[in-house]
Amino acid sequence: MEDHVYKVVRLVGSSETGVEDAIQNAITKASASIRNMRWFEVIETRGHIENNRVKHYQVTLSVGFKIE
């Protein structure tokens, strides 16, 4: 079995439609410059309120990617 070494980075994603989209937006954008992403962990969830309604969802993620 091959040993794996990972680097962990922190990302923040946002979306007007929901937490899942905020996660996907962060991962999709990061994939343009980070290869071999393997896992994520949601660290924090928050949002922005405007006119007594949720305007944006925002999530902070730790993302692990395999070192080549």
C-alpha atoms as a PDB file:
ATOM      1  CA  MET A   1       0.000   0.000   0.000  1.00  0.00           C
ATOM      2  CA  GLU A   2       1.277   3.432  -0.938  1.00  0.00           C
ATOM      3  CA  ASP A   3       1.628   6.044   1.802  1.00  0.00           C
ATOM      4  CA  HIS A   4      -0.073   9.347   1.106  1.00  0.00           C
ATOM      5  CA  VAL A   5       0.946  12.820   2.235  1.00  0.00           C
ATOM      6  CA  TYR A   6      -1.593  15.624   2.113  1.00  0.00           C
ATOM      7  CA  LYS A   7      -1.419  19.401   2.251  1.00  0.00           C
ATOM      8  CA  VAL A   8      -4.404  21.178   3.807  1.00  0.00           C
ATOM      9  CA  VAL A   9      -5.653  24.587   2.698  1.00  0.00           C
ATOM     10  CA  ARG A  10      -8.544  26.674   3.926  1.00  0.00           C
ATOM     11  CA  LEU A  11     -11.129  27.950   1.434  1.00  0.00           C
ATOM     12  CA  VAL A  12     -14.206  30.144   1.789  1.00  0.00           C
ATOM     13  CA  GLY A  13     -17.055  29.700  -0.681  1.00  0.00           C
ATOM     14  CA  SER A  14     -20.312  31.590  -1.013  1.00  0.00           C
ATOM     15  CA  SER A  15     -23.642  31.217  -2.777  1.00  0.00           C
ATOM     16  CA  GLU A  16     -27.027  32.894  -2.855  1.00  0.00           C
ATOM     17  CA  THR A  17     -28.795  29.530  -3.150  1.00  0.00           C
ATOM     18  CA  GLY A  18     -27.453  27.342  -0.337  1.00  0.00           C
ATOM     19  CA  VAL A  19     -24.646  25.770   1.644  1.00  0.00           C
ATOM     20  CA  GLU A  20     -24.096  22.914  -0.829  1.00  0.00           C
ATOM     21  CA  ASP A  21     -23.631  25.391  -3.674  1.00  0.00           C
ATOM     22  CA  ALA A  22     -21.213  27.432  -1.561  1.00  0.00           C
ATOM     23  CA  ILE A  23     -19.125  24.289  -0.980  1.00  0.00           C
ATOM     24  CA  GLN A  24     -19.197  23.368  -4.667  1.00  0.00           C
ATOM     25  CA  ASN A  25     -18.302  26.928  -5.722  1.00  0.00           C
ATOM     26  CA  ALA A  26     -15.204  26.885  -3.491  1.00  0.00           C
ATOM     27  CA  ILE A  27     -14.065  23.482  -4.747  1.00  0.00           C
ATOM     28  CA  THR A  28     -14.746  24.288  -8.405  1.00  0.00           C
ATOM     29  CA  LYS A  29     -12.814  27.568  -8.250  1.00  0.00           C
ATOM     30  CA  ALA A  30      -9.896  25.997  -6.340  1.00  0.00           C
ATOM     31  CA  SER A  31      -9.652  23.140  -8.852  1.00  0.00           C
ATOM     32  CA  ALA A  32      -8.315  25.643 -11.412  1.00  0.00           C
ATOM     33  CA  SER A  33      -5.071  25.876  -9.429  1.00  0.00           C
ATOM     34  CA  ILE A  34      -5.046  22.918  -6.986  1.00  0.00           C
ATOM     35  CA  ARG A  35      -4.669  19.353  -8.251  1.00  0.00           C
ATOM     36  CA  ASN A  36      -5.435  16.079  -6.468  1.00  0.00           C
ATOM     37  CA  MET A  37      -8.038  17.393  -4.005  1.00  0.00           C
ATOM     38  CA  ARG A  38      -9.290  14.385  -2.060  1.00  0.00           C
ATOM     39  CA  TRP A  39     -11.454  15.521   0.869  1.00  0.00           C
ATOM     40  CA  PHE A  40     -13.021  18.500   2.597  1.00  0.00           C
ATOM     41  CA  GLU A  41     -14.332  19.363   6.030  1.00  0.00           C
ATOM     42  CA  VAL A  42     -16.782  22.185   6.737  1.00  0.00           C
ATOM     43  CA  ILE A  43     -15.241  24.281   9.505  1.00  0.00           C
ATOM     44  CA  GLU A  44     -17.735  27.123   9.714  1.00  0.00           C
ATOM     45  CA  THR A  45     -21.066  28.101   8.210  1.00  0.00           C
ATOM     46  CA  ARG A  46     -22.380  31.649   8.217  1.00  0.00           C
ATOM     47  CA  GLY A  47     -24.513  33.937   6.132  1.00  0.00           C
ATOM     48  CA  HIS A  48     -25.449  37.447   5.234  1.00  0.00           C
ATOM     49  CA  ILE A  49     -28.899  38.854   6.050  1.00  0.00           C
ATOM     50  CA  GLU A  50     -30.488  41.597   3.987  1.00  0.00           C
ATOM     51  CA  ASN A  51     -34.047  42.910   4.503  1.00  0.00           C
ATOM     52  CA  ASN A  52     -34.716  40.169   7.065  1.00  0.00           C
ATOM     53  CA  ARG A  53     -33.894  37.415   4.539  1.00  0.00           C
ATOM     54  CA  VAL A  54     -30.850  35.255   3.936  1.00  0.00           C
ATOM     55  CA  LYS A  55     -28.956  36.891   1.080  1.00  0.00           C
ATOM     56  CA  HIS A  56     -25.772  34.761   0.951  1.00  0.00           C
ATOM     57  CA  TYR A  57     -24.535  31.534   2.489  1.00  0.00           C
ATOM     58  CA  GLN A  58     -20.839  31.304   3.260  1.00  0.00           C
ATOM     59  CA  VAL A  59     -18.804  28.249   4.296  1.00  0.00           C
ATOM     60  CA  THR A  60     -15.213  27.856   5.410  1.00  0.00           C
ATOM     61  CA  LEU A  61     -13.646  24.555   4.339  1.00  0.00           C
ATOM     62  CA  SER A  62     -10.446  22.700   5.047  1.00  0.00           C
ATOM     63  CA  VAL A  63      -9.513  20.902   1.831  1.00  0.00           C
ATOM     64  CA  GLY A  64      -6.879  18.172   1.642  1.00  0.00           C
ATOM     65  CA  PHE A  65      -4.946  17.477  -1.532  1.00  0.00           C
ATOM     66  CA  LYS A  66      -2.433  14.763  -2.184  1.00  0.00           C
ATOM     67  CA  ILE A  67       1.206  15.822  -2.612  1.00  0.00           C
ATOM     68  CA  GLU A  68       2.694  14.366  -5.801  1.00  0.00           C
END
